[in-house]
Amino acid sequence: MFNTLSKLNGHFLDKMYSSFLRVMDLKEARLVLEVSKGDSVHKKYKELMRINHPDTGGSSYITSKINEAYKLLKNSN
């Protein structure tokens, strides 16, 4: 999902950002990290952070959503 964000135009990104829930639930967290039950949350988190981290040209907003999803899924176990 986030791997191609740098190639998208601003209008699409605004629409996508507004589609996030105000308070993330487990379903949205799994969508953000692209995992299902039983998948390695930590492994996918590290992969997405490597790609989307602001220090490597990624979005701080997307990074915050990845962090939020990771914390929620990590604490739900």
PDB file of N, CA and C in Angstrom:
ATOM      1  N   MET A   1       0.822  -1.197   0.000  1.00  0.00           N
ATOM      2  CA  MET A   1       0.000   0.000   0.000  1.00  0.00           C
ATOM      3  C   MET A   1       0.859   1.252   0.000  1.00  0.00           C
ATOM      4  N   PHE A   2       1.841   1.321   0.887  1.00  0.00           N
ATOM      5  CA  PHE A   2       2.630   2.538   1.014  1.00  0.00           C
ATOM      6  C   PHE A   2       3.877   2.527   0.147  1.00  0.00           C
ATOM      7  N   ASN A   3       4.168   1.430  -0.491  1.00  0.00           N
ATOM      8  CA  ASN A   3       5.387   1.317  -1.276  1.00  0.00           C
ATOM      9  C   ASN A   3       5.422   2.280  -2.450  1.00  0.00           C
ATOM     10  N   THR A   4       4.275   2.673  -2.980  1.00  0.00           N
ATOM     11  CA  THR A   4       4.236   3.511  -4.173  1.00  0.00           C
ATOM     12  C   THR A   4       3.731   4.915  -3.896  1.00  0.00           C
ATOM     13  N   LEU A   5       3.696   5.336  -2.651  1.00  0.00           N
ATOM     14  CA  LEU A   5       3.142   6.651  -2.325  1.00  0.00           C
ATOM     15  C   LEU A   5       3.882   7.790  -2.998  1.00  0.00           C
ATOM     16  N   SER A   6       5.176   7.682  -3.158  1.00  0.00           N
ATOM     17  CA  SER A   6       5.930   8.781  -3.745  1.00  0.00           C
ATOM     18  C   SER A   6       5.548   9.025  -5.199  1.00  0.00           C
ATOM     19  N   LYS A   7       4.889   8.068  -5.825  1.00  0.00           N
ATOM     20  CA  LYS A   7       4.504   8.195  -7.224  1.00  0.00           C
ATOM     21  C   LYS A   7       3.088   8.742  -7.403  1.00  0.00           C
ATOM     22  N   LEU A   8       2.373   8.962  -6.323  1.00  0.00           N
ATOM     23  CA  LEU A   8       0.977   9.373  -6.404  1.00  0.00           C
ATOM     24  C   LEU A   8       0.842  10.885  -6.340  1.00  0.00           C
ATOM     25  N   ASN A   9      -0.230  11.401  -6.937  1.00  0.00           N
ATOM     26  CA  ASN A   9      -0.426  12.851  -6.906  1.00  0.00           C
ATOM     27  C   ASN A   9      -1.084  13.295  -5.606  1.00  0.00           C
ATOM     28  N   GLY A  10      -1.009  14.585  -5.324  1.00  0.00           N
ATOM     29  CA  GLY A  10      -1.496  15.153  -4.068  1.00  0.00           C
ATOM     30  C   GLY A  10      -2.977  14.951  -3.824  1.00  0.00           C
ATOM     31  N   HIS A  11      -3.804  15.067  -4.863  1.00  0.00           N
ATOM     32  CA  HIS A  11      -5.250  14.909  -4.691  1.00  0.00           C
ATOM     33  C   HIS A  11      -5.578  13.515  -4.172  1.00  0.00           C
ATOM     34  N   PHE A  12      -4.961  12.515  -4.756  1.00  0.00           N
ATOM     35  CA  PHE A  12      -5.207  11.149  -4.312  1.00  0.00           C
ATOM     36  C   PHE A  12      -4.751  10.964  -2.875  1.00  0.00           C
ATOM     37  N   LEU A  13      -3.589  11.521  -2.525  1.00  0.00           N
ATOM     38  CA  LEU A  13      -3.074  11.380  -1.163  1.00  0.00           C
ATOM     39  C   LEU A  13      -4.007  12.034  -0.154  1.00  0.00           C
ATOM     40  N   ASP A  14      -4.543  13.229  -0.484  1.00  0.00           N
ATOM     41  CA  ASP A  14      -5.488  13.891   0.420  1.00  0.00           C
ATOM     42  C   ASP A  14      -6.707  13.009   0.659  1.00  0.00           C
ATOM     43  N   LYS A  15      -7.223  12.406  -0.398  1.00  0.00           N
ATOM     44  CA  LYS A  15      -8.386  11.528  -0.272  1.00  0.00           C
ATOM     45  C   LYS A  15      -8.038  10.295   0.561  1.00  0.00           C
ATOM     46  N   MET A  16      -6.842   9.733   0.330  1.00  0.00           N
ATOM     47  CA  MET A  16      -6.433   8.551   1.070  1.00  0.00           C
ATOM     48  C   MET A  16      -6.253   8.878   2.552  1.00  0.00           C
ATOM     49  N   TYR A  17      -5.593   9.995   2.864  1.00  0.00           N
ATOM     50  CA  TYR A  17      -5.364  10.367   4.257  1.00  0.00           C
ATOM     51  C   TYR A  17      -6.685  10.545   4.997  1.00  0.00           C
ATOM     52  N   SER A  18      -7.685  11.122   4.326  1.00  0.00           N
ATOM     53  CA  SER A  18      -8.966  11.360   4.985  1.00  0.00           C
ATOM     54  C   SER A  18      -9.737  10.065   5.214  1.00  0.00           C
ATOM     55  N   SER A  19      -9.309   8.973   4.588  1.00  0.00           N
ATOM     56  CA  SER A  19     -10.026   7.709   4.755  1.00  0.00           C
ATOM     57  C   SER A  19      -9.602   6.949   6.008  1.00  0.00           C
ATOM     58  N   PHE A  20      -8.510   7.359   6.664  1.00  0.00           N
ATOM     59  CA  PHE A  20      -8.111   6.713   7.910  1.00  0.00           C
ATOM     60  C   PHE A  20      -9.127   7.030   9.004  1.00  0.00           C
ATOM     61  N   LEU A  21      -9.358   6.080   9.878  1.00  0.00           N
ATOM     62  CA  LEU A  21     -10.242   6.306  11.014  1.00  0.00           C
ATOM     63  C   LEU A  21      -9.555   7.214  12.021  1.00  0.00           C
ATOM     64  N   ARG A  22     -10.342   8.009  12.771  1.00  0.00           N
ATOM     65  CA  ARG A  22      -9.746   8.875  13.796  1.00  0.00           C
ATOM     66  C   ARG A  22      -9.039   8.041  14.855  1.00  0.00           C
ATOM     67  N   VAL A  23      -9.696   6.987  15.307  1.00  0.00           N
ATOM     68  CA  VAL A  23      -9.088   6.057  16.258  1.00  0.00           C
ATOM     69  C   VAL A  23      -8.944   4.731  15.525  1.00  0.00           C
ATOM     70  N   MET A  24      -7.713   4.302  15.348  1.00  0.00           N
ATOM     71  CA  MET A  24      -7.454   3.094  14.577  1.00  0.00           C
ATOM     72  C   MET A  24      -7.957   1.860  15.323  1.00  0.00           C
ATOM     73  N   ASP A  25      -8.606   0.972  14.596  1.00  0.00           N
ATOM     74  CA  ASP A  25      -9.020  -0.305  15.176  1.00  0.00           C
ATOM     75  C   ASP A  25      -8.123  -1.414  14.616  1.00  0.00           C
ATOM     76  N   LEU A  26      -8.318  -2.632  15.106  1.00  0.00           N
ATOM     77  CA  LEU A  26      -7.461  -3.743  14.690  1.00  0.00           C
ATOM     78  C   LEU A  26      -7.566  -4.029  13.194  1.00  0.00           C
ATOM     79  N   LYS A  27      -8.756  -3.882  12.647  1.00  0.00           N
ATOM     80  CA  LYS A  27      -8.948  -4.136  11.217  1.00  0.00           C
ATOM     81  C   LYS A  27      -8.124  -3.158  10.385  1.00  0.00           C
ATOM     82  N   GLU A  28      -8.195  -1.881  10.733  1.00  0.00           N
ATOM     83  CA  GLU A  28      -7.424  -0.881   9.994  1.00  0.00           C
ATOM     84  C   GLU A  28      -5.925  -1.088  10.208  1.00  0.00           C
ATOM     85  N   ALA A  29      -5.531  -1.454  11.417  1.00  0.00           N
ATOM     86  CA  ALA A  29      -4.114  -1.688  11.700  1.00  0.00           C
ATOM     87  C   ALA A  29      -3.574  -2.809  10.819  1.00  0.00           C
ATOM     88  N   ARG A  30      -4.358  -3.859  10.644  1.00  0.00           N
ATOM     89  CA  ARG A  30      -3.927  -4.964   9.775  1.00  0.00           C
ATOM     90  C   ARG A  30      -3.841  -4.520   8.315  1.00  0.00           C
ATOM     91  N   LEU A  31      -4.746  -3.643   7.900  1.00  0.00           N
ATOM     92  CA  LEU A  31      -4.695  -3.116   6.534  1.00  0.00           C
ATOM     93  C   LEU A  31      -3.460  -2.245   6.329  1.00  0.00           C
ATOM     94  N   VAL A  32      -3.162  -1.396   7.299  1.00  0.00           N
ATOM     95  CA  VAL A  32      -2.007  -0.504   7.192  1.00  0.00           C
ATOM     96  C   VAL A  32      -0.722  -1.311   7.070  1.00  0.00           C
ATOM     97  N   LEU A  33      -0.571  -2.329   7.910  1.00  0.00           N
ATOM     98  CA  LEU A  33       0.647  -3.138   7.891  1.00  0.00           C
ATOM     99  C   LEU A  33       0.592  -4.271   6.871  1.00  0.00           C
ATOM    100  N   GLU A  34      -0.560  -4.415   6.201  1.00  0.00           N
ATOM    101  CA  GLU A  34      -0.739  -5.458   5.195  1.00  0.00           C
ATOM    102  C   GLU A  34      -0.455  -6.842   5.775  1.00  0.00           C
ATOM    103  N   VAL A  35      -1.035  -7.119   6.948  1.00  0.00           N
ATOM    104  CA  VAL A  35      -0.862  -8.418   7.599  1.00  0.00           C
ATOM    105  C   VAL A  35      -2.226  -9.012   7.930  1.00  0.00           C
ATOM    106  N   SER A  36      -2.253 -10.314   8.087  1.00  0.00           N
ATOM    107  CA  SER A  36      -3.439 -10.995   8.597  1.00  0.00           C
ATOM    108  C   SER A  36      -3.021 -11.733   9.856  1.00  0.00           C
ATOM    109  N   LYS A  37      -3.981 -12.335  10.527  1.00  0.00           N
ATOM    110  CA  LYS A  37      -3.656 -13.057  11.755  1.00  0.00           C
ATOM    111  C   LYS A  37      -2.615 -14.121  11.452  1.00  0.00           C
ATOM    112  N   GLY A  38      -1.619 -14.204  12.307  1.00  0.00           N
ATOM    113  CA  GLY A  38      -0.564 -15.190  12.142  1.00  0.00           C
ATOM    114  C   GLY A  38       0.660 -14.681  11.400  1.00  0.00           C
ATOM    115  N   ASP A  39       0.524 -13.567  10.663  1.00  0.00           N
ATOM    116  CA  ASP A  39       1.677 -12.993   9.973  1.00  0.00           C
ATOM    117  C   ASP A  39       2.614 -12.332  10.973  1.00  0.00           C
ATOM    118  N   SER A  40       3.856 -12.158  10.594  1.00  0.00           N
ATOM    119  CA  SER A  40       4.836 -11.500  11.451  1.00  0.00           C
ATOM    120  C   SER A  40       4.646  -9.987  11.386  1.00  0.00           C
ATOM    121  N   VAL A  41       4.023  -9.433  12.411  1.00  0.00           N
ATOM    122  CA  VAL A  41       3.767  -7.998  12.478  1.00  0.00           C
ATOM    123  C   VAL A  41       5.087  -7.238  12.538  1.00  0.00           C
ATOM    124  N   HIS A  42       6.013  -7.719  13.340  1.00  0.00           N
ATOM    125  CA  HIS A  42       7.293  -7.023  13.506  1.00  0.00           C
ATOM    126  C   HIS A  42       8.073  -6.973  12.188  1.00  0.00           C
ATOM    127  N   LYS A  43       8.092  -8.075  11.468  1.00  0.00           N
ATOM    128  CA  LYS A  43       8.818  -8.133  10.200  1.00  0.00           C
ATOM    129  C   LYS A  43       8.226  -7.155   9.185  1.00  0.00           C
ATOM    130  N   LYS A  44       6.904  -7.127   9.084  1.00  0.00           N
ATOM    131  CA  LYS A  44       6.250  -6.220   8.134  1.00  0.00           C
ATOM    132  C   LYS A  44       6.434  -4.768   8.555  1.00  0.00           C
ATOM    133  N   TYR A  45       6.375  -4.512   9.866  1.00  0.00           N
ATOM    134  CA  TYR A  45       6.599  -3.160  10.391  1.00  0.00           C
ATOM    135  C   TYR A  45       7.982  -2.662   9.976  1.00  0.00           C
ATOM    136  N   LYS A  46       9.009  -3.481  10.192  1.00  0.00           N
ATOM    137  CA  LYS A  46      10.382  -3.083   9.853  1.00  0.00           C
ATOM    138  C   LYS A  46      10.513  -2.809   8.350  1.00  0.00           C
ATOM    139  N   GLU A  47       9.890  -3.643   7.540  1.00  0.00           N
ATOM    140  CA  GLU A  47       9.949  -3.471   6.088  1.00  0.00           C
ATOM    141  C   GLU A  47       9.305  -2.154   5.659  1.00  0.00           C
ATOM    142  N   LEU A  48       8.104  -1.875   6.181  1.00  0.00           N
ATOM    143  CA  LEU A  48       7.404  -0.646   5.815  1.00  0.00           C
ATOM    144  C   LEU A  48       8.118   0.598   6.339  1.00  0.00           C
ATOM    145  N   MET A  49       8.697   0.503   7.527  1.00  0.00           N
ATOM    146  CA  MET A  49       9.431   1.648   8.073  1.00  0.00           C
ATOM    147  C   MET A  49      10.688   1.934   7.250  1.00  0.00           C
ATOM    148  N   ARG A  50      11.354   0.898   6.799  1.00  0.00           N
ATOM    149  CA  ARG A  50      12.550   1.080   5.968  1.00  0.00           C
ATOM    150  C   ARG A  50      12.186   1.820   4.678  1.00  0.00           C
ATOM    151  N   ILE A  51      11.058   1.491   4.104  1.00  0.00           N
ATOM    152  CA  ILE A  51      10.628   2.097   2.844  1.00  0.00           C
ATOM    153  C   ILE A  51      10.076   3.506   3.042  1.00  0.00           C
ATOM    154  N   ASN A  52       9.325   3.730   4.116  1.00  0.00           N
ATOM    155  CA  ASN A  52       8.563   4.968   4.283  1.00  0.00           C
ATOM    156  C   ASN A  52       9.125   5.961   5.281  1.00  0.00           C
ATOM    157  N   HIS A  53      10.245   5.685   5.905  1.00  0.00           N
ATOM    158  CA  HIS A  53      10.792   6.574   6.932  1.00  0.00           C
ATOM    159  C   HIS A  53      11.135   7.941   6.331  1.00  0.00           C
ATOM    160  N   PRO A  54      10.810   9.026   7.034  1.00  0.00           N
ATOM    161  CA  PRO A  54      11.106  10.372   6.529  1.00  0.00           C
ATOM    162  C   PRO A  54      12.587  10.608   6.219  1.00  0.00           C
ATOM    163  N   ASP A  55      13.479   9.955   6.924  1.00  0.00           N
ATOM    164  CA  ASP A  55      14.914  10.124   6.656  1.00  0.00           C
ATOM    165  C   ASP A  55      15.322   9.569   5.293  1.00  0.00           C
ATOM    166  N   THR A  56      14.485   8.716   4.722  1.00  0.00           N
ATOM    167  CA  THR A  56      14.773   8.164   3.395  1.00  0.00           C
ATOM    168  C   THR A  56      13.794   8.691   2.351  1.00  0.00           C
ATOM    169  N   GLY A  57      13.170   9.837   2.647  1.00  0.00           N
ATOM    170  CA  GLY A  57      12.265  10.471   1.697  1.00  0.00           C
ATOM    171  C   GLY A  57      10.808  10.089   1.840  1.00  0.00           C
ATOM    172  N   GLY A  58      10.475   9.348   2.880  1.00  0.00           N
ATOM    173  CA  GLY A  58       9.094   8.941   3.107  1.00  0.00           C
ATOM    174  C   GLY A  58       8.283  10.014   3.821  1.00  0.00           C
ATOM    175  N   SER A  59       7.050   9.726   4.066  1.00  0.00           N
ATOM    176  CA  SER A  59       6.110  10.654   4.687  1.00  0.00           C
ATOM    177  C   SER A  59       6.060  10.460   6.201  1.00  0.00           C
ATOM    178  N   SER A  60       6.135  11.563   6.933  1.00  0.00           N
ATOM    179  CA  SER A  60       6.030  11.465   8.391  1.00  0.00           C
ATOM    180  C   SER A  60       4.617  11.059   8.805  1.00  0.00           C
ATOM    181  N   TYR A  61       3.614  11.451   8.020  1.00  0.00           N
ATOM    182  CA  TYR A  61       2.237  11.065   8.327  1.00  0.00           C
ATOM    183  C   TYR A  61       2.060   9.548   8.170  1.00  0.00           C
ATOM    184  N   ILE A  62       2.545   9.020   7.067  1.00  0.00           N
ATOM    185  CA  ILE A  62       2.442   7.578   6.830  1.00  0.00           C
ATOM    186  C   ILE A  62       3.212   6.820   7.899  1.00  0.00           C
ATOM    187  N   THR A  63       4.387   7.323   8.251  1.00  0.00           N
ATOM    188  CA  THR A  63       5.184   6.698   9.305  1.00  0.00           C
ATOM    189  C   THR A  63       4.419   6.675  10.622  1.00  0.00           C
ATOM    190  N   SER A  64       3.711   7.760  10.930  1.00  0.00           N
ATOM    191  CA  SER A  64       2.941   7.800  12.176  1.00  0.00           C
ATOM    192  C   SER A  64       1.818   6.768  12.155  1.00  0.00           C
ATOM    193  N   LYS A  65       1.204   6.562  10.993  1.00  0.00           N
ATOM    194  CA  LYS A  65       0.146   5.555  10.874  1.00  0.00           C
ATOM    195  C   LYS A  65       0.712   4.139  10.995  1.00  0.00           C
ATOM    196  N   ILE A  66       1.884   3.915  10.427  1.00  0.00           N
ATOM    197  CA  ILE A  66       2.541   2.613  10.551  1.00  0.00           C
ATOM    198  C   ILE A  66       2.870   2.348  12.015  1.00  0.00           C
ATOM    199  N   ASN A  67       3.404   3.358  12.709  1.00  0.00           N
ATOM    200  CA  ASN A  67       3.721   3.218  14.137  1.00  0.00           C
ATOM    201  C   ASN A  67       2.469   2.943  14.960  1.00  0.00           C
ATOM    202  N   GLU A  68       1.397   3.682  14.667  1.00  0.00           N
ATOM    203  CA  GLU A  68       0.138   3.496  15.395  1.00  0.00           C
ATOM    204  C   GLU A  68      -0.391   2.073  15.197  1.00  0.00           C
ATOM    205  N   ALA A  69      -0.348   1.598  13.964  1.00  0.00           N
ATOM    206  CA  ALA A  69      -0.822   0.242  13.666  1.00  0.00           C
ATOM    207  C   ALA A  69       0.029  -0.801  14.380  1.00  0.00           C
ATOM    208  N   TYR A  70       1.335  -0.612  14.353  1.00  0.00           N
ATOM    209  CA  TYR A  70       2.243  -1.566  14.994  1.00  0.00           C
ATOM    210  C   TYR A  70       1.990  -1.635  16.498  1.00  0.00           C
ATOM    211  N   LYS A  71       1.867  -0.487  17.140  1.00  0.00           N
ATOM    212  CA  LYS A  71       1.633  -0.460  18.592  1.00  0.00           C
ATOM    213  C   LYS A  71       0.310  -1.132  18.945  1.00  0.00           C
ATOM    214  N   LEU A  72      -0.715  -0.861  18.154  1.00  0.00           N
ATOM    215  CA  LEU A  72      -2.026  -1.452  18.420  1.00  0.00           C
ATOM    216  C   LEU A  72      -1.982  -2.975  18.278  1.00  0.00           C
ATOM    217  N   LEU A  73      -1.381  -3.458  17.211  1.00  0.00           N
ATOM    218  CA  LEU A  73      -1.314  -4.907  16.999  1.00  0.00           C
ATOM    219  C   LEU A  73      -0.394  -5.581  18.008  1.00  0.00           C
ATOM    220  N   LYS A  74       0.699  -4.928  18.359  1.00  0.00           N
ATOM    221  CA  LYS A  74       1.633  -5.494  19.336  1.00  0.00           C
ATOM    222  C   LYS A  74       0.964  -5.625  20.705  1.00  0.00           C
ATOM    223  N   ASN A  75       0.157  -4.635  21.078  1.00  0.00           N
ATOM    224  CA  ASN A  75      -0.509  -4.644  22.380  1.00  0.00           C
ATOM    225  C   ASN A  75      -1.760  -5.514  22.405  1.00  0.00           C
ATOM    226  N   SER A  76      -2.248  -5.926  21.244  1.00  0.00           N
ATOM    227  CA  SER A  76      -3.470  -6.740  21.204  1.00  0.00           C
ATOM    228  C   SER A  76      -3.188  -8.222  21.442  1.00  0.00           C
ATOM    229  N   ASN A  77      -1.937  -8.603  21.418  1.00  0.00           N
ATOM    230  CA  ASN A  77      -1.580 -10.030  21.604  1.00  0.00           C
ATOM    231  C   ASN A  77      -1.547 -10.421  23.039  1.00  0.00           C
TER     232      ASN A  77
END
